[in-house]
Amino acid sequence: MQPLSPPSCLTQRRVPDLATSPQSAIANLDLADVNRVLAGDTDAFAGIVRRWQGPLVNMAWRYCRDRGRAEELAQEAFLRAWRGLPQWRREGSFSTWLFALAANVFRSDLKRFPTETVPIEAAPEPSEPAPQHSSLSKSLSGGAVRRAVLALPLRYREPVVLFYFHEMDLSAAARTMGLPEGTMKARLSRARALLRSRFPALAAEHAALEAAAQLTGKEA
């Protein structure tokens, strides 16, 4: 098979974010576009870029916290994906493979050009828990807590970013990071413990939610 030449869509700077649709439908679109690219229709890669550039830029930003650099890293991830399409084994969803590849790109870049971070102790605690929050994942959307997440060591930050911010399930997040599920679960647990120790109000809120969930039989 002849080497793939980079498609013109990789020169675009901004592409609309992924629209809301069922995961299975997105997976089918990804698979169809991959098959078309491998069959010689290079323009089909534009569909993959449209669906995933927004999420990849957002993910890259949580590594480097610089929008311009995040866009460049996302472009690099797409270029790596383009070159690696023939090697995708199809053992999982295309998006899991893409995010795993992107995570490696972002992690490598962070090692070469470290981002300045502040200790988690320096992140300010929210003045009060938001009353509309109904779970820890929603609590993590607060700006102060997001800053605390970004201050976590990378080994704990990555699982939180994938599991909460990108809403991957445990299995997909573990595959993305190339870790056993047990290790992924342990790192998530440690990350939550670090956040709760820094934010007592957040810990109290989540404890109340878990107690209510036990009474109702629902997961907090």
C-alpha atoms as a PDB file:
ATOM      1  CA  MET A   1       0.000   0.000   0.000  1.00  0.00           C
ATOM      2  CA  GLN A   2       1.302   3.437  -0.962  1.00  0.00           C
ATOM      3  CA  PRO A   3       2.012   5.831   1.943  1.00  0.00           C
ATOM      4  CA  LEU A   4      -0.837   8.223   2.634  1.00  0.00           C
ATOM      5  CA  SER A   5      -0.324  11.865   1.782  1.00  0.00           C
ATOM      6  CA  PRO A   6      -1.641  14.303   4.424  1.00  0.00           C
ATOM      7  CA  PRO A   7      -5.162  15.489   3.531  1.00  0.00           C
ATOM      8  CA  SER A   8      -5.900  19.163   3.005  1.00  0.00           C
ATOM      9  CA  CYS A   9      -8.283  19.177   6.004  1.00  0.00           C
ATOM     10  CA  LEU A  10      -5.291  19.051   8.354  1.00  0.00           C
ATOM     11  CA  THR A  11      -4.413  22.603   7.400  1.00  0.00           C
ATOM     12  CA  GLN A  12      -7.636  23.926   8.899  1.00  0.00           C
ATOM     13  CA  ARG A  13      -7.194  25.747  12.208  1.00  0.00           C
ATOM     14  CA  ARG A  14     -10.698  25.475  13.595  1.00  0.00           C
ATOM     15  CA  VAL A  15     -13.398  22.897  12.984  1.00  0.00           C
ATOM     16  CA  PRO A  16     -16.780  22.754  14.753  1.00  0.00           C
ATOM     17  CA  ASP A  17     -16.966  20.670  17.909  1.00  0.00           C
ATOM     18  CA  LEU A  18     -18.424  17.187  17.932  1.00  0.00           C
ATOM     19  CA  ALA A  19     -22.199  17.345  17.778  1.00  0.00           C
ATOM     20  CA  THR A  20     -24.285  15.361  20.223  1.00  0.00           C
ATOM     21  CA  SER A  21     -25.294  11.986  18.783  1.00  0.00           C
ATOM     22  CA  PRO A  22     -25.369   8.340  19.902  1.00  0.00           C
ATOM     23  CA  GLN A  23     -21.942   6.785  20.393  1.00  0.00           C
ATOM     24  CA  SER A  24     -22.773   3.889  18.098  1.00  0.00           C
ATOM     25  CA  ALA A  25     -23.678   6.258  15.278  1.00  0.00           C
ATOM     26  CA  ILE A  26     -20.424   8.156  15.734  1.00  0.00           C
ATOM     27  CA  ALA A  27     -18.473   4.890  15.778  1.00  0.00           C
ATOM     28  CA  ASN A  28     -20.159   3.856  12.520  1.00  0.00           C
ATOM     29  CA  LEU A  29     -19.296   7.182  10.909  1.00  0.00           C
ATOM     30  CA  ASP A  30     -15.678   6.846  12.037  1.00  0.00           C
ATOM     31  CA  LEU A  31     -15.424   3.328  10.661  1.00  0.00           C
ATOM     32  CA  ALA A  32     -16.960   4.336   7.348  1.00  0.00           C
ATOM     33  CA  ASP A  33     -14.565   7.272   6.979  1.00  0.00           C
ATOM     34  CA  VAL A  34     -11.539   5.138   7.873  1.00  0.00           C
ATOM     35  CA  ASN A  35     -12.544   2.536   5.289  1.00  0.00           C
ATOM     36  CA  ARG A  36     -12.996   5.237   2.650  1.00  0.00           C
ATOM     37  CA  VAL A  37      -9.583   6.751   3.418  1.00  0.00           C
ATOM     38  CA  LEU A  38      -7.881   3.359   3.224  1.00  0.00           C
ATOM     39  CA  ALA A  39      -9.677   2.730  -0.073  1.00  0.00           C
ATOM     40  CA  GLY A  40      -8.110   5.890  -1.512  1.00  0.00           C
ATOM     41  CA  ASP A  41     -10.683   8.606  -0.732  1.00  0.00           C
ATOM     42  CA  THR A  42      -8.400  10.924   1.231  1.00  0.00           C
ATOM     43  CA  ASP A  43     -11.093  13.589   1.560  1.00  0.00           C
ATOM     44  CA  ALA A  44     -13.006  11.277   3.906  1.00  0.00           C
ATOM     45  CA  PHE A  45     -10.520  12.111   6.669  1.00  0.00           C
ATOM     46  CA  ALA A  46     -12.210  15.510   6.916  1.00  0.00           C
ATOM     47  CA  GLY A  47     -15.175  13.800   8.570  1.00  0.00           C
ATOM     48  CA  ILE A  48     -12.924  12.467  11.325  1.00  0.00           C
ATOM     49  CA  VAL A  49     -11.415  15.911  11.828  1.00  0.00           C
ATOM     50  CA  ARG A  50     -14.867  17.537  12.057  1.00  0.00           C
ATOM     51  CA  ARG A  51     -16.023  15.082  14.701  1.00  0.00           C
ATOM     52  CA  TRP A  52     -12.939  15.002  16.878  1.00  0.00           C
ATOM     53  CA  GLN A  53     -10.948  18.226  16.566  1.00  0.00           C
ATOM     54  CA  GLY A  54     -12.957  20.009  19.273  1.00  0.00           C
ATOM     55  CA  PRO A  55     -12.519  17.219  21.853  1.00  0.00           C
ATOM     56  CA  LEU A  56      -8.827  16.784  21.002  1.00  0.00           C
ATOM     57  CA  VAL A  57      -8.090  20.515  21.299  1.00  0.00           C
ATOM     58  CA  ASN A  58      -9.881  20.587  24.656  1.00  0.00           C
ATOM     59  CA  MET A  59      -7.933  17.557  25.815  1.00  0.00           C
ATOM     60  CA  ALA A  60      -4.642  19.072  24.668  1.00  0.00           C
ATOM     61  CA  TRP A  61      -5.448  22.313  26.500  1.00  0.00           C
ATOM     62  CA  ARG A  62      -5.743  20.398  29.766  1.00  0.00           C
ATOM     63  CA  TYR A  63      -2.185  19.213  29.235  1.00  0.00           C
ATOM     64  CA  CYS A  64      -0.569  22.506  28.196  1.00  0.00           C
ATOM     65  CA  ARG A  65      -3.128  25.220  29.145  1.00  0.00           C
ATOM     66  CA  ASP A  66      -2.302  27.248  26.026  1.00  0.00           C
ATOM     67  CA  ARG A  67      -4.954  27.448  23.308  1.00  0.00           C
ATOM     68  CA  GLY A  68      -2.603  27.978  20.385  1.00  0.00           C
ATOM     69  CA  ARG A  69      -0.309  25.194  21.491  1.00  0.00           C
ATOM     70  CA  ALA A  70      -3.333  22.936  22.084  1.00  0.00           C
ATOM     71  CA  GLU A  71      -4.492  23.456  18.499  1.00  0.00           C
ATOM     72  CA  GLU A  72      -1.037  22.630  17.193  1.00  0.00           C
ATOM     73  CA  LEU A  73      -0.889  19.480  19.320  1.00  0.00           C
ATOM     74  CA  ALA A  74      -4.301  18.397  18.049  1.00  0.00           C
ATOM     75  CA  GLN A  75      -3.065  18.890  14.483  1.00  0.00           C
ATOM     76  CA  GLU A  76      -0.029  16.748  15.270  1.00  0.00           C
ATOM     77  CA  ALA A  77      -2.275  14.051  16.745  1.00  0.00           C
ATOM     78  CA  PHE A  78      -4.410  13.998  13.584  1.00  0.00           C
ATOM     79  CA  LEU A  79      -1.310  13.791  11.425  1.00  0.00           C
ATOM     80  CA  ARG A  80      -0.069  10.810  13.478  1.00  0.00           C
ATOM     81  CA  ALA A  81      -3.499   9.215  13.177  1.00  0.00           C
ATOM     82  CA  TRP A  82      -3.497   9.772   9.414  1.00  0.00           C
ATOM     83  CA  ARG A  83      -0.153   8.061   9.070  1.00  0.00           C
ATOM     84  CA  GLY A  84      -1.147   5.255  11.413  1.00  0.00           C
ATOM     85  CA  LEU A  85      -4.578   4.401   9.996  1.00  0.00           C
ATOM     86  CA  PRO A  86      -3.343   1.221   8.270  1.00  0.00           C
ATOM     87  CA  GLN A  87      -2.038  -0.016  11.653  1.00  0.00           C
ATOM     88  CA  TRP A  88      -5.345   0.420  13.520  1.00  0.00           C
ATOM     89  CA  ARG A  89      -6.257  -3.125  14.565  1.00  0.00           C
ATOM     90  CA  ARG A  90      -9.971  -2.383  15.135  1.00  0.00           C
ATOM     91  CA  GLU A  91      -9.909  -4.161  18.491  1.00  0.00           C
ATOM     92  CA  GLY A  92     -11.814  -1.240  20.027  1.00  0.00           C
ATOM     93  CA  SER A  93     -13.541   1.894  18.818  1.00  0.00           C
ATOM     94  CA  PHE A  94     -11.654   4.257  16.542  1.00  0.00           C
ATOM     95  CA  SER A  95     -12.155   7.101  19.031  1.00  0.00           C
ATOM     96  CA  THR A  96     -10.441   5.134  21.804  1.00  0.00           C
ATOM     97  CA  TRP A  97      -7.476   4.495  19.504  1.00  0.00           C
ATOM     98  CA  LEU A  98      -7.415   8.158  18.459  1.00  0.00           C
ATOM     99  CA  PHE A  99      -7.509   9.439  22.039  1.00  0.00           C
ATOM    100  CA  ALA A 100      -4.791   7.002  23.099  1.00  0.00           C
ATOM    101  CA  LEU A 101      -2.590   8.185  20.236  1.00  0.00           C
ATOM    102  CA  ALA A 102      -3.341  11.827  21.085  1.00  0.00           C
ATOM    103  CA  ALA A 103      -2.566  11.281  24.769  1.00  0.00           C
ATOM    104  CA  ASN A 104       0.860   9.952  23.805  1.00  0.00           C
ATOM    105  CA  VAL A 105       1.476  13.006  21.609  1.00  0.00           C
ATOM    106  CA  PHE A 106       0.428  15.408  24.373  1.00  0.00           C
ATOM    107  CA  ARG A 107       2.382  13.551  27.050  1.00  0.00           C
ATOM    108  CA  SER A 108       5.550  13.523  24.936  1.00  0.00           C
ATOM    109  CA  ASP A 109       5.224  17.236  24.248  1.00  0.00           C
ATOM    110  CA  LEU A 110       4.741  17.954  27.946  1.00  0.00           C
ATOM    111  CA  LYS A 111       7.982  16.129  28.728  1.00  0.00           C
ATOM    112  CA  ARG A 112       9.849  18.197  26.147  1.00  0.00           C
ATOM    113  CA  PHE A 113       8.258  21.515  27.111  1.00  0.00           C
ATOM    114  CA  PRO A 114       6.976  21.270  30.692  1.00  0.00           C
ATOM    115  CA  THR A 115       4.057  23.488  31.647  1.00  0.00           C
ATOM    116  CA  GLU A 116       4.419  25.608  34.740  1.00  0.00           C
ATOM    117  CA  THR A 117       2.126  24.353  37.468  1.00  0.00           C
ATOM    118  CA  VAL A 118       1.276  25.490  40.947  1.00  0.00           C
ATOM    119  CA  PRO A 119       0.964  23.093  43.890  1.00  0.00           C
ATOM    120  CA  ILE A 120      -2.571  21.853  44.479  1.00  0.00           C
ATOM    121  CA  GLU A 121      -2.422  23.545  47.881  1.00  0.00           C
ATOM    122  CA  ALA A 122      -2.281  26.917  46.104  1.00  0.00           C
ATOM    123  CA  ALA A 123      -5.583  26.391  44.279  1.00  0.00           C
ATOM    124  CA  PRO A 124      -8.361  28.356  46.008  1.00  0.00           C
ATOM    125  CA  GLU A 125     -11.363  26.481  47.340  1.00  0.00           C
ATOM    126  CA  PRO A 126     -14.801  27.440  46.004  1.00  0.00           C
ATOM    127  CA  SER A 127     -16.630  29.703  48.461  1.00  0.00           C
ATOM    128  CA  GLU A 128     -19.505  27.238  48.665  1.00  0.00           C
ATOM    129  CA  PRO A 129     -20.621  24.079  46.842  1.00  0.00           C
ATOM    130  CA  ALA A 130     -22.873  24.795  43.903  1.00  0.00           C
ATOM    131  CA  PRO A 131     -26.425  23.733  44.847  1.00  0.00           C
ATOM    132  CA  GLN A 132     -27.238  22.495  41.348  1.00  0.00           C
ATOM    133  CA  HIS A 133     -24.409  19.945  41.371  1.00  0.00           C
ATOM    134  CA  SER A 134     -25.675  16.394  41.666  1.00  0.00           C
ATOM    135  CA  SER A 135     -22.468  14.371  41.366  1.00  0.00           C
ATOM    136  CA  LEU A 136     -18.713  14.658  41.733  1.00  0.00           C
ATOM    137  CA  SER A 137     -18.339  14.859  37.963  1.00  0.00           C
ATOM    138  CA  LYS A 138     -20.572  17.937  37.878  1.00  0.00           C
ATOM    139  CA  SER A 139     -18.737  19.392  40.863  1.00  0.00           C
ATOM    140  CA  LEU A 140     -15.527  19.073  38.891  1.00  0.00           C
ATOM    141  CA  SER A 141     -16.900  21.528  36.342  1.00  0.00           C
ATOM    142  CA  GLY A 142     -16.354  24.455  38.727  1.00  0.00           C
ATOM    143  CA  GLY A 143     -13.535  26.761  37.691  1.00  0.00           C
ATOM    144  CA  ALA A 144     -11.660  26.541  40.994  1.00  0.00           C
ATOM    145  CA  VAL A 145     -11.816  22.755  41.022  1.00  0.00           C
ATOM    146  CA  ARG A 146     -10.712  22.606  37.389  1.00  0.00           C
ATOM    147  CA  ARG A 147      -7.629  24.591  38.356  1.00  0.00           C
ATOM    148  CA  ALA A 148      -6.997  22.111  41.142  1.00  0.00           C
ATOM    149  CA  VAL A 149      -7.330  19.213  38.708  1.00  0.00           C
ATOM    150  CA  LEU A 150      -4.743  20.861  36.454  1.00  0.00           C
ATOM    151  CA  ALA A 151      -2.444  21.111  39.473  1.00  0.00           C
ATOM    152  CA  LEU A 152      -2.612  17.363  40.089  1.00  0.00           C
ATOM    153  CA  PRO A 153       0.444  15.282  39.139  1.00  0.00           C
ATOM    154  CA  LEU A 154       0.080  14.102  35.542  1.00  0.00           C
ATOM    155  CA  ARG A 155      -0.415  10.449  36.563  1.00  0.00           C
ATOM    156  CA  TYR A 156      -3.584  11.470  38.432  1.00  0.00           C
ATOM    157  CA  ARG A 157      -4.632  14.381  36.212  1.00  0.00           C
ATOM    158  CA  GLU A 158      -4.939  12.290  33.058  1.00  0.00           C
ATOM    159  CA  PRO A 159      -7.449   9.790  34.510  1.00  0.00           C
ATOM    160  CA  VAL A 160      -9.630  12.622  35.848  1.00  0.00           C
ATOM    161  CA  VAL A 161      -9.546  14.467  32.520  1.00  0.00           C
ATOM    162  CA  LEU A 162     -10.548  11.363  30.553  1.00  0.00           C
ATOM    163  CA  PHE A 163     -13.084   9.946  33.019  1.00  0.00           C
ATOM    164  CA  TYR A 164     -14.848  13.136  34.088  1.00  0.00           C
ATOM    165  CA  PHE A 165     -14.178  15.858  31.524  1.00  0.00           C
ATOM    166  CA  HIS A 166     -14.338  13.587  28.463  1.00  0.00           C
ATOM    167  CA  GLU A 167     -16.902  11.249  30.056  1.00  0.00           C
ATOM    168  CA  MET A 168     -15.130   8.031  29.084  1.00  0.00           C
ATOM    169  CA  ASP A 169     -16.095   4.912  30.979  1.00  0.00           C
ATOM    170  CA  LEU A 170     -13.425   3.192  33.062  1.00  0.00           C
ATOM    171  CA  SER A 171     -12.583   0.640  30.381  1.00  0.00           C
ATOM    172  CA  ALA A 172     -12.183   3.218  27.593  1.00  0.00           C
ATOM    173  CA  ALA A 173     -10.131   5.555  29.796  1.00  0.00           C
ATOM    174  CA  ALA A 174      -7.858   2.672  30.799  1.00  0.00           C
ATOM    175  CA  ARG A 175      -7.334   1.651  27.163  1.00  0.00           C
ATOM    176  CA  THR A 176      -6.613   5.253  26.213  1.00  0.00           C
ATOM    177  CA  MET A 177      -3.841   5.418  28.816  1.00  0.00           C
ATOM    178  CA  GLY A 178      -2.632   1.877  28.164  1.00  0.00           C
ATOM    179  CA  LEU A 179      -3.272   0.861  31.781  1.00  0.00           C
ATOM    180  CA  PRO A 180      -5.038  -2.078  33.435  1.00  0.00           C
ATOM    181  CA  GLU A 181      -8.507  -1.120  34.653  1.00  0.00           C
ATOM    182  CA  GLY A 182      -7.451  -1.779  38.239  1.00  0.00           C
ATOM    183  CA  THR A 183      -4.598   0.717  37.948  1.00  0.00           C
ATOM    184  CA  MET A 184      -6.905   3.264  36.339  1.00  0.00           C
ATOM    185  CA  LYS A 185      -9.433   2.849  39.141  1.00  0.00           C
ATOM    186  CA  ALA A 186      -6.690   3.255  41.761  1.00  0.00           C
ATOM    187  CA  ARG A 187      -5.418   6.467  40.164  1.00  0.00           C
ATOM    188  CA  LEU A 188      -8.939   7.898  39.985  1.00  0.00           C
ATOM    189  CA  SER A 189      -9.434   7.059  43.636  1.00  0.00           C
ATOM    190  CA  ARG A 190      -6.159   8.736  44.575  1.00  0.00           C
ATOM    191  CA  ALA A 191      -7.011  11.813  42.492  1.00  0.00           C
ATOM    192  CA  ARG A 192     -10.396  12.125  44.195  1.00  0.00           C
ATOM    193  CA  ALA A 193      -8.727  11.769  47.585  1.00  0.00           C
ATOM    194  CA  LEU A 194      -6.272  14.562  46.756  1.00  0.00           C
ATOM    195  CA  LEU A 195      -9.085  16.837  45.612  1.00  0.00           C
ATOM    196  CA  ARG A 196     -11.240  16.104  48.639  1.00  0.00           C
ATOM    197  CA  SER A 197      -8.389  16.724  51.038  1.00  0.00           C
ATOM    198  CA  ARG A 198      -7.805  20.090  49.373  1.00  0.00           C
ATOM    199  CA  PHE A 199     -11.516  20.968  49.201  1.00  0.00           C
ATOM    200  CA  PRO A 200     -13.317  19.950  52.431  1.00  0.00           C
ATOM    201  CA  ALA A 201     -16.564  21.577  51.281  1.00  0.00           C
ATOM    202  CA  LEU A 202     -16.507  19.531  48.082  1.00  0.00           C
ATOM    203  CA  ALA A 203     -15.848  16.382  50.106  1.00  0.00           C
ATOM    204  CA  ALA A 204     -18.759  17.114  52.427  1.00  0.00           C
ATOM    205  CA  GLU A 205     -21.063  17.748  49.477  1.00  0.00           C
ATOM    206  CA  HIS A 206     -20.134  14.478  47.809  1.00  0.00           C
ATOM    207  CA  ALA A 207     -20.459  12.539  51.069  1.00  0.00           C
ATOM    208  CA  ALA A 208     -24.006  13.845  51.433  1.00  0.00           C
ATOM    209  CA  LEU A 209     -24.766  12.837  47.854  1.00  0.00           C
ATOM    210  CA  GLU A 210     -23.423   9.325  48.424  1.00  0.00           C
ATOM    211  CA  ALA A 211     -25.501   8.972  51.611  1.00  0.00           C
ATOM    212  CA  ALA A 212     -28.616  10.075  49.712  1.00  0.00           C
ATOM    213  CA  ALA A 213     -27.806   7.634  46.939  1.00  0.00           C
ATOM    214  CA  GLN A 214     -27.625   4.754  49.414  1.00  0.00           C
ATOM    215  CA  LEU A 215     -31.086   5.658  50.680  1.00  0.00           C
ATOM    216  CA  THR A 216     -32.594   5.904  47.196  1.00  0.00           C
ATOM    217  CA  GLY A 217     -30.637   3.058  45.652  1.00  0.00           C
ATOM    218  CA  LYS A 218     -29.264   5.373  42.989  1.00  0.00           C
ATOM    219  CA  GLU A 219     -25.653   6.186  42.208  1.00  0.00           C
ATOM    220  CA  ALA A 220     -24.509   9.665  43.255  1.00  0.00           C
END
